Amino acid sequence: MALLRAGPHESPAVLRGQTGPDRDRRLYRTRDNSSRARSFIKELTDKCAGLADMPLGYAIVPRYEAKGIRRCVHDNYQIFYHIDGDLVLVVRVLHGARDYEALL
């Protein structure tokens, strides 16, 4: 798990490690174009860290109100997160074509 801080006074954003098929797909893409893969991972990481600046800025995902799961979009990817006190916890980052309901 990585702790990301947007700035000295903002709440941190937390990214949890990912395993399984999603990780395998990510590794495959890295072989295709490692430079773009690295820059895209940086973009996603920056977007996740930016959630700490305004964590309530994105709507709660319908059917996940009880868990407080929110979603923001970057390119073709959806970033799912929830707020836990002063932390923003990134739960999953999924391609928009994936069935997120089966994976959350």
N, C-alpha and C. Protein backbone atom coordinates (compact mmCIF):
# COMPACT_ATOMS: atom_id res chain seq x y z
N MET A 1 0.86 -1.16 0.00
CA MET A 1 0.00 0.00 0.00
C MET A 1 0.90 1.22 0.00
N ALA A 2 0.59 2.19 -0.84
CA ALA A 2 1.38 3.42 -0.92
C ALA A 2 0.54 4.59 -0.42
N LEU A 3 1.16 5.45 0.35
CA LEU A 3 0.49 6.64 0.86
C LEU A 3 0.92 7.82 0.02
N LEU A 4 -0.04 8.50 -0.58
CA LEU A 4 0.25 9.64 -1.44
C LEU A 4 -0.31 10.90 -0.81
N ARG A 5 0.48 11.93 -0.74
CA ARG A 5 0.02 13.20 -0.21
C ARG A 5 -0.03 14.23 -1.33
N ALA A 6 -1.17 14.92 -1.43
CA ALA A 6 -1.32 15.95 -2.45
C ALA A 6 -0.59 17.22 -2.06
N GLY A 7 -0.45 17.50 -0.80
CA GLY A 7 0.20 18.70 -0.32
C GLY A 7 0.34 18.64 1.18
N PRO A 8 0.99 19.61 1.80
CA PRO A 8 1.26 19.55 3.23
C PRO A 8 0.02 19.61 4.11
N HIS A 9 -1.08 20.17 3.61
CA HIS A 9 -2.26 20.33 4.46
C HIS A 9 -3.46 19.52 4.00
N GLU A 10 -3.31 18.77 2.91
CA GLU A 10 -4.43 17.98 2.40
C GLU A 10 -4.42 16.59 3.00
N SER A 11 -5.55 15.93 2.90
CA SER A 11 -5.66 14.54 3.34
C SER A 11 -4.87 13.65 2.38
N PRO A 12 -4.28 12.57 2.89
CA PRO A 12 -3.55 11.68 2.00
C PRO A 12 -4.49 10.78 1.21
N ALA A 13 -4.00 10.30 0.07
CA ALA A 13 -4.70 9.28 -0.72
C ALA A 13 -3.90 8.00 -0.59
N VAL A 14 -4.56 6.89 -0.44
CA VAL A 14 -3.89 5.60 -0.25
C VAL A 14 -4.21 4.69 -1.41
N LEU A 15 -3.18 4.11 -2.01
CA LEU A 15 -3.34 3.13 -3.08
C LEU A 15 -2.98 1.76 -2.53
N ARG A 16 -3.85 0.80 -2.71
CA ARG A 16 -3.56 -0.56 -2.28
C ARG A 16 -3.00 -1.34 -3.46
N GLY A 17 -2.10 -2.27 -3.18
CA GLY A 17 -1.52 -3.10 -4.24
C GLY A 17 -2.57 -3.94 -4.92
N GLN A 18 -2.31 -4.30 -6.17
CA GLN A 18 -3.28 -5.07 -6.92
C GLN A 18 -2.63 -6.37 -7.36
N THR A 19 -3.37 -7.46 -7.28
CA THR A 19 -2.86 -8.76 -7.69
C THR A 19 -3.86 -9.40 -8.63
N GLY A 20 -3.50 -10.53 -9.18
CA GLY A 20 -4.41 -11.31 -10.01
C GLY A 20 -4.43 -10.88 -11.46
N PRO A 21 -5.54 -11.15 -12.16
CA PRO A 21 -5.63 -10.92 -13.61
C PRO A 21 -5.37 -9.47 -14.01
N ASP A 22 -5.84 -8.49 -13.21
CA ASP A 22 -5.62 -7.09 -13.56
C ASP A 22 -4.13 -6.77 -13.59
N ARG A 23 -3.40 -7.27 -12.61
CA ARG A 23 -1.95 -7.04 -12.56
C ARG A 23 -1.29 -7.70 -13.77
N ASP A 24 -1.72 -8.90 -14.15
CA ASP A 24 -1.13 -9.60 -15.28
C ASP A 24 -1.34 -8.82 -16.57
N ARG A 25 -2.54 -8.25 -16.76
CA ARG A 25 -2.80 -7.44 -17.95
C ARG A 25 -1.90 -6.21 -17.98
N ARG A 26 -1.72 -5.60 -16.82
CA ARG A 26 -0.88 -4.40 -16.73
C ARG A 26 0.56 -4.76 -17.12
N LEU A 27 1.07 -5.88 -16.67
CA LEU A 27 2.43 -6.29 -17.01
C LEU A 27 2.57 -6.56 -18.50
N TYR A 28 1.54 -7.13 -19.11
CA TYR A 28 1.57 -7.40 -20.55
C TYR A 28 1.67 -6.08 -21.32
N ARG A 29 0.89 -5.09 -20.94
CA ARG A 29 0.93 -3.79 -21.62
C ARG A 29 2.30 -3.14 -21.48
N THR A 30 2.95 -3.34 -20.37
CA THR A 30 4.27 -2.76 -20.16
C THR A 30 5.26 -3.29 -21.18
N ARG A 31 5.15 -4.55 -21.54
CA ARG A 31 6.05 -5.11 -22.55
C ARG A 31 5.82 -4.46 -23.90
N ASP A 32 4.59 -4.08 -24.22
CA ASP A 32 4.28 -3.48 -25.52
C ASP A 32 4.91 -2.11 -25.69
N ASN A 33 4.81 -1.26 -24.67
CA ASN A 33 5.32 0.11 -24.76
C ASN A 33 5.64 0.58 -23.34
N SER A 34 6.80 0.23 -22.87
CA SER A 34 7.14 0.49 -21.47
C SER A 34 7.18 1.98 -21.14
N SER A 35 7.58 2.81 -22.08
CA SER A 35 7.62 4.25 -21.82
C SER A 35 6.22 4.80 -21.59
N ARG A 36 5.28 4.43 -22.45
CA ARG A 36 3.90 4.89 -22.29
C ARG A 36 3.27 4.29 -21.04
N ALA A 37 3.58 3.04 -20.76
CA ALA A 37 3.03 2.41 -19.55
C ALA A 37 3.47 3.18 -18.32
N ARG A 38 4.76 3.54 -18.25
CA ARG A 38 5.25 4.29 -17.10
C ARG A 38 4.58 5.66 -17.00
N SER A 39 4.45 6.35 -18.13
CA SER A 39 3.83 7.69 -18.08
C SER A 39 2.35 7.59 -17.71
N PHE A 40 1.67 6.55 -18.19
CA PHE A 40 0.26 6.40 -17.86
C PHE A 40 0.07 6.06 -16.39
N ILE A 41 0.92 5.20 -15.85
CA ILE A 41 0.85 4.88 -14.42
C ILE A 41 1.08 6.14 -13.60
N LYS A 42 2.00 7.00 -14.05
CA LYS A 42 2.23 8.27 -13.34
C LYS A 42 0.99 9.15 -13.41
N GLU A 43 0.34 9.22 -14.58
CA GLU A 43 -0.90 9.99 -14.72
C GLU A 43 -1.96 9.49 -13.75
N LEU A 44 -2.14 8.16 -13.70
CA LEU A 44 -3.14 7.59 -12.80
C LEU A 44 -2.78 7.86 -11.34
N THR A 45 -1.51 7.72 -11.00
CA THR A 45 -1.07 7.98 -9.63
C THR A 45 -1.31 9.44 -9.26
N ASP A 46 -1.00 10.35 -10.18
CA ASP A 46 -1.25 11.78 -9.92
C ASP A 46 -2.73 12.05 -9.75
N LYS A 47 -3.55 11.42 -10.58
CA LYS A 47 -5.01 11.61 -10.46
C LYS A 47 -5.50 11.11 -9.11
N CYS A 48 -5.00 9.94 -8.68
CA CYS A 48 -5.39 9.39 -7.38
C CYS A 48 -4.93 10.31 -6.25
N ALA A 49 -3.72 10.80 -6.33
CA ALA A 49 -3.22 11.71 -5.29
C ALA A 49 -4.05 12.99 -5.26
N GLY A 50 -4.49 13.44 -6.43
CA GLY A 50 -5.31 14.65 -6.50
C GLY A 50 -6.67 14.50 -5.85
N LEU A 51 -7.13 13.28 -5.66
CA LEU A 51 -8.41 13.06 -4.98
C LEU A 51 -8.37 13.61 -3.57
N ALA A 52 -7.20 13.65 -2.96
CA ALA A 52 -7.07 14.16 -1.60
C ALA A 52 -7.39 15.65 -1.52
N ASP A 53 -7.24 16.37 -2.64
CA ASP A 53 -7.53 17.80 -2.65
C ASP A 53 -9.02 18.08 -2.51
N MET A 54 -9.84 17.22 -3.09
CA MET A 54 -11.29 17.44 -3.08
C MET A 54 -12.00 16.09 -3.08
N PRO A 55 -11.91 15.33 -2.01
CA PRO A 55 -12.45 13.96 -2.02
C PRO A 55 -13.96 13.87 -2.22
N LEU A 56 -14.70 14.91 -1.86
CA LEU A 56 -16.15 14.89 -2.05
C LEU A 56 -16.56 15.40 -3.42
N GLY A 57 -15.58 15.63 -4.28
CA GLY A 57 -15.85 16.21 -5.60
C GLY A 57 -16.47 15.26 -6.60
N TYR A 58 -16.54 13.99 -6.27
CA TYR A 58 -17.11 13.01 -7.19
C TYR A 58 -18.28 12.29 -6.51
N ALA A 59 -19.25 11.92 -7.32
CA ALA A 59 -20.47 11.32 -6.80
C ALA A 59 -20.24 9.90 -6.29
N ILE A 60 -21.08 9.50 -5.35
CA ILE A 60 -21.08 8.12 -4.87
C ILE A 60 -21.67 7.24 -5.97
N VAL A 61 -21.10 6.06 -6.15
CA VAL A 61 -21.55 5.12 -7.18
C VAL A 61 -22.89 4.52 -6.74
N PRO A 62 -23.91 4.59 -7.62
CA PRO A 62 -25.20 3.98 -7.28
C PRO A 62 -25.01 2.51 -6.90
N ARG A 63 -25.77 2.07 -5.92
CA ARG A 63 -25.74 0.71 -5.37
C ARG A 63 -24.57 0.49 -4.41
N TYR A 64 -23.69 1.49 -4.24
CA TYR A 64 -22.56 1.36 -3.32
C TYR A 64 -22.56 2.48 -2.28
N GLU A 65 -23.74 3.05 -2.07
CA GLU A 65 -23.87 4.13 -1.09
C GLU A 65 -23.46 3.68 0.30
N ALA A 66 -23.83 2.46 0.69
CA ALA A 66 -23.53 1.96 2.04
C ALA A 66 -22.03 1.87 2.29
N LYS A 67 -21.27 1.59 1.25
CA LYS A 67 -19.81 1.51 1.38
C LYS A 67 -19.13 2.85 1.12
N GLY A 68 -19.91 3.82 0.63
CA GLY A 68 -19.35 5.14 0.35
C GLY A 68 -18.38 5.16 -0.82
N ILE A 69 -18.55 4.23 -1.76
CA ILE A 69 -17.65 4.15 -2.92
C ILE A 69 -17.96 5.27 -3.90
N ARG A 70 -16.93 6.00 -4.26
CA ARG A 70 -17.04 7.09 -5.24
C ARG A 70 -16.22 6.72 -6.47
N ARG A 71 -16.49 7.43 -7.59
CA ARG A 71 -15.79 7.12 -8.83
C ARG A 71 -15.35 8.39 -9.53
N CYS A 72 -14.13 8.38 -9.99
CA CYS A 72 -13.68 9.45 -10.88
C CYS A 72 -13.07 8.77 -12.11
N VAL A 73 -13.07 9.45 -13.22
CA VAL A 73 -12.64 8.87 -14.49
C VAL A 73 -11.35 9.55 -14.95
N HIS A 74 -10.43 8.73 -15.44
CA HIS A 74 -9.22 9.24 -16.09
C HIS A 74 -9.04 8.45 -17.38
N ASP A 75 -9.11 9.16 -18.50
CA ASP A 75 -8.99 8.53 -19.81
C ASP A 75 -10.07 7.44 -19.90
N ASN A 76 -9.71 6.22 -20.19
CA ASN A 76 -10.70 5.13 -20.27
C ASN A 76 -10.81 4.34 -18.98
N TYR A 77 -10.26 4.87 -17.90
CA TYR A 77 -10.22 4.14 -16.64
C TYR A 77 -11.09 4.80 -15.58
N GLN A 78 -11.65 3.98 -14.71
CA GLN A 78 -12.46 4.45 -13.60
C GLN A 78 -11.68 4.19 -12.31
N ILE A 79 -11.58 5.21 -11.48
CA ILE A 79 -10.89 5.10 -10.20
C ILE A 79 -11.97 5.06 -9.13
N PHE A 80 -12.05 3.96 -8.39
CA PHE A 80 -13.03 3.79 -7.33
C PHE A 80 -12.34 4.00 -6.00
N TYR A 81 -12.95 4.80 -5.14
CA TYR A 81 -12.34 5.12 -3.86
C TYR A 81 -13.40 5.38 -2.81
N HIS A 82 -12.98 5.40 -1.56
CA HIS A 82 -13.87 5.84 -0.49
C HIS A 82 -13.07 6.65 0.51
N ILE A 83 -13.79 7.37 1.32
CA ILE A 83 -13.18 8.27 2.30
C ILE A 83 -13.29 7.61 3.67
N ASP A 84 -12.17 7.54 4.38
CA ASP A 84 -12.13 6.95 5.71
C ASP A 84 -11.46 7.97 6.63
N GLY A 85 -12.29 8.79 7.29
CA GLY A 85 -11.74 9.85 8.13
C GLY A 85 -11.03 10.88 7.28
N ASP A 86 -9.72 11.03 7.50
CA ASP A 86 -8.96 11.99 6.69
C ASP A 86 -8.16 11.29 5.59
N LEU A 87 -8.48 10.03 5.31
CA LEU A 87 -7.82 9.28 4.25
C LEU A 87 -8.74 9.09 3.06
N VAL A 88 -8.17 9.09 1.87
CA VAL A 88 -8.87 8.71 0.65
C VAL A 88 -8.26 7.37 0.24
N LEU A 89 -9.07 6.31 0.27
CA LEU A 89 -8.59 4.97 -0.04
C LEU A 89 -9.01 4.58 -1.45
N VAL A 90 -8.06 4.40 -2.34
CA VAL A 90 -8.34 3.97 -3.70
C VAL A 90 -8.53 2.45 -3.65
N VAL A 91 -9.73 2.02 -4.02
CA VAL A 91 -10.10 0.61 -3.92
C VAL A 91 -9.70 -0.15 -5.17
N ARG A 92 -10.07 0.38 -6.34
CA ARG A 92 -9.77 -0.27 -7.63
C ARG A 92 -9.60 0.78 -8.70
N VAL A 93 -8.80 0.46 -9.70
CA VAL A 93 -8.71 1.22 -10.93
C VAL A 93 -8.99 0.23 -12.04
N LEU A 94 -10.08 0.47 -12.78
CA LEU A 94 -10.53 -0.48 -13.79
C LEU A 94 -10.77 0.21 -15.13
N HIS A 95 -10.53 -0.52 -16.19
CA HIS A 95 -10.87 -0.01 -17.52
C HIS A 95 -12.38 0.16 -17.58
N GLY A 96 -12.83 1.19 -18.28
CA GLY A 96 -14.25 1.50 -18.36
C GLY A 96 -15.10 0.40 -18.96
N ALA A 97 -14.50 -0.49 -19.74
CA ALA A 97 -15.27 -1.58 -20.35
C ALA A 97 -15.50 -2.74 -19.39
N ARG A 98 -14.81 -2.73 -18.25
CA ARG A 98 -14.94 -3.83 -17.28
C ARG A 98 -16.25 -3.70 -16.51
N ASP A 99 -16.78 -4.83 -16.09
CA ASP A 99 -18.00 -4.88 -15.27
C ASP A 99 -17.59 -4.61 -13.83
N TYR A 100 -17.60 -3.35 -13.43
CA TYR A 100 -17.12 -3.00 -12.09
C TYR A 100 -17.97 -3.58 -10.99
N GLU A 101 -19.25 -3.79 -11.22
CA GLU A 101 -20.12 -4.32 -10.17
C GLU A 101 -19.67 -5.70 -9.72
N ALA A 102 -19.13 -6.49 -10.63
CA ALA A 102 -18.65 -7.82 -10.27
C ALA A 102 -17.31 -7.77 -9.55
N LEU A 103 -16.63 -6.62 -9.61
CA LEU A 103 -15.27 -6.53 -9.09
C LEU A 103 -15.13 -5.66 -7.84
N LEU A 104 -16.18 -4.93 -7.48
CA LEU A 104 -16.06 -4.05 -6.30
C LEU A 104 -16.42 -4.78 -5.03
